[in-house]
Amino acid sequence: MDKTEGTTPLCDEYGNHHTLADELARGGQGVVFRTKDADLAIKQPLNPQGEPDTSSDLRHRFQNIRLLPLPPRIPLSLPLAILRDQPGYVMRLLNDMTPFSVFDLDGKTKKDLEEQQLILPGWLADVPDKDLALRLVHYARTGSTRRRLLALSECAAILARLHCSGMVYGDISSNNAFLGAQSNDVWLIDADNLRFEMTSGGISVYTPAYGAPEVVRGTDTSRPRSDCWAFAVMAFKTLALCHPFIGKTVLEPEEDDSGWDSEPEVDGQTADLDEQAYAGYLPFIDDTQDDSNAGVGGLPRELVATAGLRRLFQETFGAGRLQPHRRPTMAFWALELKKTLDRSLHCDVCTMSYLFDEHTECPYCQAPRPPFACARTSRGEIVIPATARHFALPHRLFHPFSFEHNETQAYEVDLDFTARTARPVRGTPAFPDSLTFTFEAGVQ
């Protein structure tokens, strides 16, 4: 039974009543509920004890947010109305949207899989670590790498547009980014902390495990570069199934290291190993110069990220750990994630995905690589599976990369893999001369 069932409807400042439905996401600052209205949600702030924070001055905060010069048509869920008798506000949220945390195998989902007495598919039957096997089952069921790349690239584009307007989002996490269940729509919610970048002062809020080192340590406030850090953490966790700083130092501590009272080298603050990792005191698990905290789990990075994407992780978590100005901006992330998406191929046997030009067989189930076509222009390439008869070629393949329009259809192609031909769909414009197609036969 849903714990919100039978609760008293909440009234907003305009007299509208809202009945809570299921809980969508919960974080350090508040909790988000879907309402009986399919396209509305309610956010309620929480105090440190996890109770509704009645001391929050939401009206003043939201009036300031409404005055910000936000980019037009940006998919950001802003406050629509403040609640009258309880702390909180009403915001828009499309009916089928779920948080990025759906990509994580949480305790409830894992328990559900175990209770189903799931028979593992053949490609996972011999995996000795059953926990890893369940995580891979969930990874495949939630769209594998392709779905994650699409979600992350759209999120990066939204953040890039905010940063270009001089604003800081402030609290990136998998509970604040939402993806349409049956669509490619991505929205950011929880705009409470949205503000202009400040040289000093301002509120800095972060979700544990996502905060940039300088914000966690209190040596600087939230800035676009701290947004870039939090996004990179989310992207790494979502794609590789591990945190970028939880390595062998944390998971396999030395016997003489008690963990809870060890001292960071920088400022002497006492912290346990997890907190040291989250605060940037430990090296990146894939650091090319220091393997003292090397990764001990997760998916091989070569399976889920191109060389360009791996360089962004290295620059953010390597040099950018202690030098925030070295972190790549969100523009680079949006572009490189889309490039990686365009090169990924879906495996019909195990439903995982992989980079088409680096494997002649599926690296997960060893099924031969299926036939596919590749559309190329001077701006990039996109792999097209042989199962597609009609395929939409996006704006980014023909024009400079646009944060807002890169997914917009530019042309639609009719493919004949037997005749190895590609023609514009009837009624659509002719292809430009720069566009070429190659057809690759499946590997026997």
Protein backbone atom coordinates (compact mmCIF):
# COMPACT_ATOMS: atom_id res chain seq x y z
CA MET A 1 0.00 0.00 0.00
CA ASP A 2 1.34 3.45 -0.89
CA LYS A 3 2.09 5.44 2.25
CA THR A 4 0.60 8.56 0.62
CA GLU A 5 -2.78 6.88 0.14
CA GLY A 6 -5.53 8.57 2.14
CA THR A 7 -3.49 11.71 2.89
CA THR A 8 -5.25 15.06 3.02
CA PRO A 9 -5.01 17.03 -0.24
CA LEU A 10 -2.61 19.97 -0.15
CA CYS A 11 -3.81 23.44 -1.12
CA ASP A 12 -1.63 25.89 -3.02
CA GLU A 13 -1.64 29.69 -2.94
CA TYR A 14 -4.22 29.85 -5.76
CA GLY A 15 -6.69 27.53 -4.02
CA ASN A 16 -5.95 24.44 -6.11
CA HIS A 17 -5.97 21.13 -4.27
CA HIS A 18 -3.34 18.44 -4.92
CA THR A 19 -3.51 14.84 -3.77
CA LEU A 20 -0.17 13.12 -3.28
CA ALA A 21 0.51 9.88 -5.13
CA ASP A 22 3.79 7.97 -5.04
CA GLU A 23 7.16 9.26 -3.87
CA LEU A 24 9.52 9.87 -6.78
CA ALA A 25 12.81 10.96 -5.23
CA ARG A 26 14.27 11.92 -1.89
CA GLY A 27 17.46 13.81 -1.12
CA GLY A 28 19.13 15.87 1.55
CA GLN A 29 17.05 18.96 0.78
CA GLY A 30 13.63 17.49 0.20
CA VAL A 31 11.29 14.90 -1.19
CA VAL A 32 9.36 14.90 -4.47
CA PHE A 33 5.89 13.34 -4.81
CA ARG A 34 3.87 12.73 -7.93
CA THR A 35 0.28 13.94 -7.59
CA LYS A 36 -3.00 12.56 -8.92
CA ASP A 37 -2.66 15.15 -11.68
CA ALA A 38 -0.49 13.30 -14.17
CA ASP A 39 1.67 16.31 -15.09
CA LEU A 40 2.20 17.89 -11.67
CA ALA A 41 4.47 17.05 -8.75
CA ILE A 42 5.08 18.51 -5.30
CA LYS A 43 8.45 19.17 -3.69
CA GLN A 44 8.59 19.51 0.09
CA PRO A 45 11.77 20.73 1.79
CA LEU A 46 13.15 18.68 4.67
CA ASN A 47 15.13 19.69 7.72
CA PRO A 48 18.21 17.73 8.89
CA GLN A 49 15.90 15.37 10.78
CA GLY A 50 14.02 14.47 7.61
CA GLU A 51 10.85 16.31 8.62
CA PRO A 52 9.07 19.06 6.61
CA ASP A 53 11.11 22.25 7.03
CA THR A 54 8.63 24.90 8.16
CA SER A 55 11.38 27.53 8.44
CA SER A 56 12.02 27.64 4.67
CA ASP A 57 11.35 31.03 3.08
CA LEU A 58 10.15 29.57 -0.21
CA ARG A 59 8.23 32.62 -1.40
CA HIS A 60 11.25 34.92 -1.48
CA ARG A 61 13.43 32.21 -3.03
CA PHE A 62 10.96 31.40 -5.81
CA GLN A 63 10.30 35.03 -6.62
CA ASN A 64 14.02 35.38 -7.27
CA ILE A 65 14.07 32.25 -9.45
CA ARG A 66 11.18 33.53 -11.56
CA LEU A 67 13.16 36.71 -12.31
CA LEU A 68 16.17 34.84 -13.67
CA PRO A 69 16.72 35.21 -17.45
CA LEU A 70 16.38 31.53 -18.24
CA PRO A 71 17.01 30.34 -21.80
CA PRO A 72 13.76 29.95 -23.75
CA ARG A 73 12.08 26.52 -23.85
CA ILE A 74 14.59 25.04 -21.43
CA PRO A 75 13.25 21.80 -19.86
CA LEU A 76 13.60 22.89 -16.26
CA SER A 77 10.78 22.27 -13.83
CA LEU A 78 10.17 25.63 -12.14
CA PRO A 79 7.86 26.35 -9.19
CA LEU A 80 4.27 26.97 -10.30
CA ALA A 81 2.68 27.68 -6.92
CA ILE A 82 3.61 27.60 -3.24
CA LEU A 83 1.61 25.47 -0.80
CA ARG A 84 -0.50 27.32 1.72
CA ASP A 85 -0.42 25.38 4.97
CA GLN A 86 2.69 23.23 4.52
CA PRO A 87 6.17 23.96 3.24
CA GLY A 88 6.56 23.02 -0.40
CA TYR A 89 5.64 23.96 -3.93
CA VAL A 90 3.94 22.62 -7.03
CA MET A 91 5.94 22.04 -10.20
CA ARG A 92 5.37 20.60 -13.64
CA LEU A 93 6.53 17.05 -14.28
CA LEU A 94 5.50 15.04 -17.31
CA ASN A 95 3.48 11.93 -16.52
CA ASP A 96 5.87 9.20 -17.65
CA MET A 97 9.09 10.68 -16.28
CA THR A 98 11.34 8.85 -13.82
CA PRO A 99 14.57 9.97 -12.14
CA PHE A 100 17.96 8.89 -13.48
CA SER A 101 18.26 6.84 -10.28
CA VAL A 102 16.10 4.25 -12.10
CA PHE A 103 19.39 3.23 -13.74
CA ASP A 104 20.76 2.22 -10.32
CA LEU A 105 20.03 -1.21 -8.87
CA ASP A 106 18.66 -0.09 -5.53
CA GLY A 107 17.73 -2.39 -2.68
CA LYS A 108 14.05 -2.61 -3.61
CA THR A 109 14.72 -3.43 -7.27
CA LYS A 110 17.34 -6.00 -6.32
CA LYS A 111 14.92 -7.63 -3.88
CA ASP A 112 12.23 -7.75 -6.57
CA LEU A 113 14.64 -9.47 -8.97
CA GLU A 114 15.63 -12.00 -6.31
CA GLU A 115 12.00 -12.72 -5.40
CA GLN A 116 11.21 -13.41 -9.06
CA GLN A 117 13.61 -16.37 -8.82
CA LEU A 118 15.12 -14.98 -11.96
CA ILE A 119 16.77 -17.45 -14.30
CA LEU A 120 19.87 -15.69 -15.54
CA PRO A 121 20.32 -15.52 -19.31
CA GLY A 122 23.03 -17.70 -20.78
CA TRP A 123 25.56 -14.90 -21.11
CA LEU A 124 25.38 -14.32 -17.34
CA ALA A 125 24.95 -17.89 -16.13
CA ASP A 126 28.68 -18.37 -15.49
CA VAL A 127 29.29 -15.06 -13.72
CA PRO A 128 30.53 -16.06 -10.25
CA ASP A 129 29.43 -12.81 -8.62
CA LYS A 130 25.62 -13.08 -8.50
CA ASP A 131 25.31 -9.49 -7.33
CA LEU A 132 27.15 -8.34 -10.46
CA ALA A 133 24.95 -10.61 -12.58
CA LEU A 134 21.81 -8.97 -11.18
CA ARG A 135 23.27 -5.53 -11.81
CA LEU A 136 23.93 -6.46 -15.43
CA VAL A 137 20.39 -7.81 -15.81
CA HIS A 138 19.09 -4.48 -14.54
CA TYR A 139 21.56 -2.61 -16.77
CA ALA A 140 20.19 -4.40 -19.84
CA ARG A 141 16.55 -3.99 -18.79
CA THR A 142 16.96 -0.23 -18.35
CA GLY A 143 18.29 0.35 -21.86
CA SER A 144 21.94 -0.60 -21.47
CA THR A 145 24.60 1.93 -22.45
CA ARG A 146 22.61 3.55 -25.29
CA ARG A 147 19.73 4.69 -23.09
CA ARG A 148 22.16 6.03 -20.51
CA LEU A 149 24.21 7.91 -23.09
CA LEU A 150 21.09 9.53 -24.52
CA ALA A 151 19.84 10.61 -21.08
CA LEU A 152 23.22 11.96 -20.01
CA SER A 153 23.84 13.84 -23.25
CA GLU A 154 20.49 15.62 -23.04
CA CYS A 155 21.13 16.49 -19.39
CA ALA A 156 24.56 17.88 -20.31
CA ALA A 157 22.98 20.06 -23.01
CA ILE A 158 20.51 21.53 -20.50
CA LEU A 159 23.31 22.36 -18.07
CA ALA A 160 25.40 23.86 -20.86
CA ARG A 161 22.54 26.22 -21.74
CA LEU A 162 22.23 27.31 -18.09
CA HIS A 163 25.98 27.88 -17.79
CA CYS A 164 26.01 29.91 -21.02
CA SER A 165 23.48 32.20 -19.34
CA GLY A 166 25.80 32.68 -16.37
CA MET A 167 23.83 30.46 -14.01
CA VAL A 168 24.66 27.65 -11.63
CA TYR A 169 22.27 24.74 -11.12
CA GLY A 170 23.86 23.78 -7.81
CA ASP A 171 22.71 20.25 -6.99
CA ILE A 172 23.19 17.76 -9.81
CA SER A 173 22.34 14.18 -8.88
CA SER A 174 20.48 11.17 -10.27
CA ASN A 175 17.42 12.21 -8.25
CA ASN A 176 17.20 15.66 -9.85
CA ALA A 177 17.42 14.65 -13.52
CA PHE A 178 14.36 12.94 -15.04
CA LEU A 179 13.90 10.92 -18.22
CA GLY A 180 10.71 10.04 -20.08
CA ALA A 181 9.95 6.32 -19.83
CA GLN A 182 8.82 6.09 -23.47
CA SER A 183 10.47 9.20 -24.89
CA ASN A 184 13.79 11.00 -25.14
CA ASP A 185 12.61 13.92 -23.01
CA VAL A 186 14.96 14.93 -20.19
CA TRP A 187 14.06 17.48 -17.54
CA LEU A 188 15.85 18.91 -14.52
CA ILE A 189 13.74 19.37 -11.41
CA ASP A 190 14.51 20.95 -8.04
CA ALA A 191 15.43 24.45 -9.24
CA ASP A 192 15.59 25.69 -5.62
CA ASN A 193 19.30 26.53 -5.81
CA LEU A 194 19.38 28.03 -9.30
CA ARG A 195 21.27 31.33 -9.26
CA PHE A 196 23.89 33.45 -10.98
CA GLU A 197 27.53 32.56 -10.36
CA MET A 198 28.98 34.67 -7.54
CA THR A 199 32.60 35.52 -6.82
CA SER A 200 31.88 34.89 -3.13
CA GLY A 201 28.97 34.01 -0.90
CA GLY A 202 25.78 32.32 -2.00
CA ILE A 203 24.25 29.07 -0.85
CA SER A 204 26.10 25.88 -1.77
CA VAL A 205 24.05 22.72 -1.67
CA TYR A 206 25.11 19.29 -2.90
CA THR A 207 23.98 15.70 -2.73
CA PRO A 208 26.38 13.45 -0.76
CA ALA A 209 28.82 11.64 -3.07
CA TYR A 210 28.25 14.22 -5.85
CA GLY A 211 29.70 17.39 -4.35
CA ALA A 212 32.85 18.91 -5.83
CA PRO A 213 35.86 18.79 -3.44
CA GLU A 214 36.01 22.55 -2.95
CA VAL A 215 32.29 22.67 -2.10
CA VAL A 216 32.44 19.69 0.25
CA ARG A 217 35.47 21.16 2.05
CA GLY A 218 33.88 24.61 2.18
CA THR A 219 36.77 26.36 0.42
CA ASP A 220 34.56 27.67 -2.41
CA THR A 221 30.92 28.03 -3.34
CA SER A 222 28.95 26.32 -6.10
CA ARG A 223 29.96 27.37 -9.58
CA PRO A 224 29.52 25.99 -13.11
CA ARG A 225 32.73 24.00 -12.61
CA SER A 226 31.26 22.33 -9.50
CA ASP A 227 28.19 21.47 -11.61
CA CYS A 228 30.59 19.88 -14.10
CA TRP A 229 32.09 17.75 -11.34
CA ALA A 230 28.73 16.55 -10.04
CA PHE A 231 27.57 15.74 -13.57
CA ALA A 232 30.76 13.77 -14.27
CA VAL A 233 30.22 11.73 -11.09
CA MET A 234 26.65 10.96 -12.17
CA ALA A 235 27.79 10.03 -15.69
CA PHE A 236 30.56 7.74 -14.44
CA LYS A 237 28.29 5.97 -11.96
CA THR A 238 25.52 5.60 -14.52
CA LEU A 239 27.75 4.18 -17.26
CA ALA A 240 30.42 2.23 -15.35
CA LEU A 241 28.34 1.10 -12.34
CA CYS A 242 30.82 2.39 -9.75
CA HIS A 243 31.72 5.66 -8.06
CA PRO A 244 34.84 7.34 -9.51
CA PHE A 245 36.51 7.59 -6.09
CA ILE A 246 35.43 4.41 -4.31
CA GLY A 247 38.42 2.20 -5.10
CA LYS A 248 40.65 -0.25 -3.29
CA THR A 249 41.69 2.30 -0.66
CA VAL A 250 38.09 2.40 0.50
CA LEU A 251 36.96 -1.14 -0.32
CA GLU A 252 40.18 -2.94 0.67
CA PRO A 253 41.73 -0.80 3.43
CA GLU A 254 45.08 -1.76 4.92
CA GLU A 255 44.89 -3.63 8.21
CA ASP A 256 46.57 -0.78 10.11
CA ASP A 257 44.08 1.72 8.69
CA SER A 258 41.00 1.83 10.90
CA GLY A 259 39.15 3.88 8.31
CA TRP A 260 37.02 5.93 10.64
CA ASP A 261 39.77 8.13 12.10
CA SER A 262 42.36 8.32 9.34
CA GLU A 263 43.65 11.78 8.51
CA PRO A 264 43.50 13.36 5.05
CA GLU A 265 46.84 14.75 3.97
CA VAL A 266 45.63 18.22 3.04
CA ASP A 267 43.94 19.96 5.97
CA GLY A 268 43.92 17.41 8.78
CA GLN A 269 40.16 17.10 9.04
CA THR A 270 39.01 13.76 10.43
CA ALA A 271 36.82 11.74 8.06
CA ASP A 272 36.10 8.13 7.29
CA LEU A 273 37.37 6.67 4.04
CA ASP A 274 34.13 7.17 2.14
CA GLU A 275 33.99 10.81 3.16
CA GLN A 276 37.64 11.29 2.20
CA ALA A 277 36.85 9.82 -1.22
CA TYR A 278 33.80 12.03 -1.74
CA ALA A 279 35.77 15.12 -0.65
CA GLY A 280 38.47 14.49 -3.26
CA TYR A 281 41.27 13.47 -0.88
CA LEU A 282 41.79 10.16 -2.72
CA PRO A 283 42.83 9.78 -6.37
CA PHE A 284 40.47 8.86 -9.19
CA ILE A 285 40.08 5.07 -9.47
CA ASP A 286 41.31 5.27 -13.09
CA ASP A 287 44.05 7.82 -12.42
CA THR A 288 46.88 7.34 -14.90
CA GLN A 289 49.52 8.68 -12.49
CA ASP A 290 48.45 7.16 -9.17
CA ASP A 291 46.99 3.66 -8.80
CA SER A 292 46.83 3.69 -4.99
CA ASN A 293 43.02 3.85 -5.18
CA ALA A 294 42.57 1.74 -8.30
CA GLY A 295 39.06 0.55 -9.17
CA VAL A 296 38.02 -2.93 -8.11
CA GLY A 297 34.68 -3.23 -9.88
CA GLY A 298 32.31 -1.81 -12.42
CA LEU A 299 32.18 -2.25 -16.16
CA PRO A 300 35.39 -1.89 -18.20
CA ARG A 301 35.49 1.74 -19.31
CA GLU A 302 36.36 0.72 -22.87
CA LEU A 303 32.94 -0.93 -23.17
CA VAL A 304 30.91 2.11 -22.19
CA ALA A 305 32.97 5.13 -23.26
CA THR A 306 34.96 6.25 -26.27
CA ALA A 307 38.54 7.44 -25.90
CA GLY A 308 37.26 11.03 -26.05
CA LEU A 309 34.77 10.43 -23.24
CA ARG A 310 37.42 8.71 -21.12
CA ARG A 311 39.65 11.79 -21.57
CA LEU A 312 36.89 13.98 -20.16
CA PHE A 313 36.68 11.75 -17.08
CA GLN A 314 40.47 11.83 -16.68
CA GLU A 315 40.67 15.62 -16.95
CA THR A 316 37.76 16.13 -14.54
CA PHE A 317 38.77 13.63 -11.87
CA GLY A 318 42.53 13.76 -12.42
CA ALA A 319 43.86 17.30 -12.86
CA GLY A 320 40.41 18.76 -12.12
CA ARG A 321 40.23 17.17 -8.68
CA LEU A 322 42.47 19.85 -7.15
CA GLN A 323 42.42 22.37 -10.02
CA PRO A 324 38.74 23.12 -10.74
CA HIS A 325 39.55 25.30 -13.75
CA ARG A 326 40.88 22.19 -15.54
CA ARG A 327 37.46 20.52 -15.63
CA PRO A 328 35.91 20.33 -19.11
CA THR A 329 32.77 22.43 -19.52
CA MET A 330 29.35 20.94 -20.14
CA ALA A 331 29.59 21.72 -23.87
CA PHE A 332 32.33 19.10 -24.25
CA TRP A 333 30.28 16.54 -22.32
CA ALA A 334 27.14 17.11 -24.41
CA LEU A 335 29.05 16.72 -27.67
CA GLU A 336 31.18 13.72 -26.67
CA LEU A 337 28.27 11.81 -25.13
CA LYS A 338 26.31 12.22 -28.38
CA LYS A 339 29.32 11.04 -30.39
CA THR A 340 29.52 7.96 -28.19
CA LEU A 341 25.78 7.35 -28.56
CA ASP A 342 26.04 7.61 -32.35
CA ARG A 343 28.73 4.90 -32.41
CA SER A 344 26.91 2.41 -30.16
CA LEU A 345 25.20 -0.67 -31.57
CA HIS A 346 22.40 -2.63 -29.92
CA CYS A 347 22.76 -6.40 -29.52
CA ASP A 348 19.46 -8.17 -30.19
CA VAL A 349 20.63 -11.31 -28.35
CA CYS A 350 21.43 -9.93 -24.90
CA THR A 351 20.01 -6.37 -25.36
CA MET A 352 23.28 -4.76 -24.29
CA SER A 353 25.05 -2.22 -26.52
CA TYR A 354 28.65 -1.58 -27.49
CA LEU A 355 30.84 0.55 -29.77
CA PHE A 356 30.43 -0.80 -33.30
CA ASP A 357 33.92 -0.01 -34.57
CA GLU A 358 35.78 -1.60 -31.67
CA HIS A 359 34.14 -5.05 -31.60
CA THR A 360 33.33 -7.68 -34.21
CA GLU A 361 31.16 -9.51 -31.67
CA CYS A 362 29.13 -8.47 -28.66
CA PRO A 363 31.59 -8.22 -25.74
CA TYR A 364 28.90 -9.39 -23.34
CA CYS A 365 27.34 -12.45 -24.99
CA GLN A 366 29.80 -12.99 -27.89
CA ALA A 367 26.99 -12.89 -30.48
CA PRO A 368 28.39 -11.96 -33.93
CA ARG A 369 28.07 -8.31 -34.81
CA PRO A 370 24.90 -7.87 -36.92
CA PRO A 371 24.78 -6.04 -40.25
CA PHE A 372 24.46 -2.26 -40.06
CA ALA A 373 24.82 0.91 -42.08
CA CYS A 374 26.80 4.00 -41.22
CA ALA A 375 25.76 7.53 -42.23
CA ARG A 376 28.69 9.98 -42.42
CA THR A 377 29.24 13.68 -42.98
CA SER A 378 32.14 15.94 -42.16
CA ARG A 379 30.53 16.52 -38.76
CA GLY A 380 30.30 12.90 -37.61
CA GLU A 381 28.88 9.45 -38.16
CA ILE A 382 25.87 7.50 -36.94
CA VAL A 383 25.49 3.73 -36.93
CA ILE A 384 22.11 2.45 -38.18
CA PRO A 385 21.02 -1.13 -37.34
CA ALA A 386 19.80 -3.40 -40.14
CA THR A 387 16.44 -3.71 -38.36
CA ALA A 388 15.72 -0.06 -39.24
CA ARG A 389 13.89 0.55 -42.50
CA HIS A 390 13.24 4.23 -41.84
CA PHE A 391 15.74 6.24 -39.82
CA ALA A 392 15.74 9.89 -38.74
CA LEU A 393 19.04 11.65 -39.34
CA PRO A 394 19.48 14.35 -36.67
CA HIS A 395 20.41 18.00 -36.93
CA ARG A 396 23.87 17.44 -35.40
CA LEU A 397 25.01 15.36 -38.39
CA PHE A 398 24.68 18.34 -40.75
CA HIS A 399 25.01 21.51 -38.69
CA PRO A 400 27.13 22.90 -35.86
CA PHE A 401 26.20 21.18 -32.61
CA SER A 402 23.17 22.80 -30.97
CA PHE A 403 22.39 22.23 -27.29
CA GLU A 404 18.69 22.69 -27.98
CA HIS A 405 18.22 21.19 -31.45
CA ASN A 406 20.85 18.46 -31.83
CA GLU A 407 18.16 15.73 -31.71
CA THR A 408 15.83 17.50 -34.15
CA GLN A 409 15.22 15.48 -37.31
CA ALA A 410 16.96 16.96 -40.35
CA TYR A 411 16.32 14.17 -42.89
CA GLU A 412 14.57 10.82 -42.94
CA VAL A 413 16.16 7.95 -44.82
CA ASP A 414 14.60 4.84 -46.36
CA LEU A 415 17.15 1.99 -46.14
CA ASP A 416 17.31 -1.18 -48.21
CA PHE A 417 20.02 -3.41 -46.75
CA THR A 418 19.57 -6.04 -49.47
CA ALA A 419 20.15 -3.57 -52.30
CA ARG A 420 22.50 -1.53 -50.10
CA THR A 421 20.75 1.72 -50.92
CA ALA A 422 19.60 4.73 -48.93
CA ARG A 423 17.05 7.19 -50.27
CA PRO A 424 15.16 10.12 -48.77
CA VAL A 425 11.71 9.16 -47.58
CA ARG A 426 9.11 10.32 -50.08
CA GLY A 427 8.16 13.94 -49.55
CA THR A 428 11.34 14.86 -47.70
CA PRO A 429 14.27 16.96 -49.01
CA ALA A 430 17.05 15.42 -51.08
CA PHE A 431 20.23 14.52 -49.22
CA PRO A 432 23.16 16.94 -49.29
CA ASP A 433 26.26 15.86 -51.23
CA SER A 434 28.26 15.64 -48.00
CA LEU A 435 26.18 12.69 -46.77
CA THR A 436 27.46 9.19 -47.56
CA PHE A 437 26.35 5.72 -46.52
CA THR A 438 28.30 2.49 -46.09
CA PHE A 439 26.73 -0.93 -45.49
CA GLU A 440 28.50 -3.53 -43.39
CA ALA A 441 27.59 -7.21 -43.55
CA GLY A 442 27.15 -9.11 -40.32
CA VAL A 443 30.13 -11.03 -38.95
CA GLN A 444 29.75 -14.77 -39.56
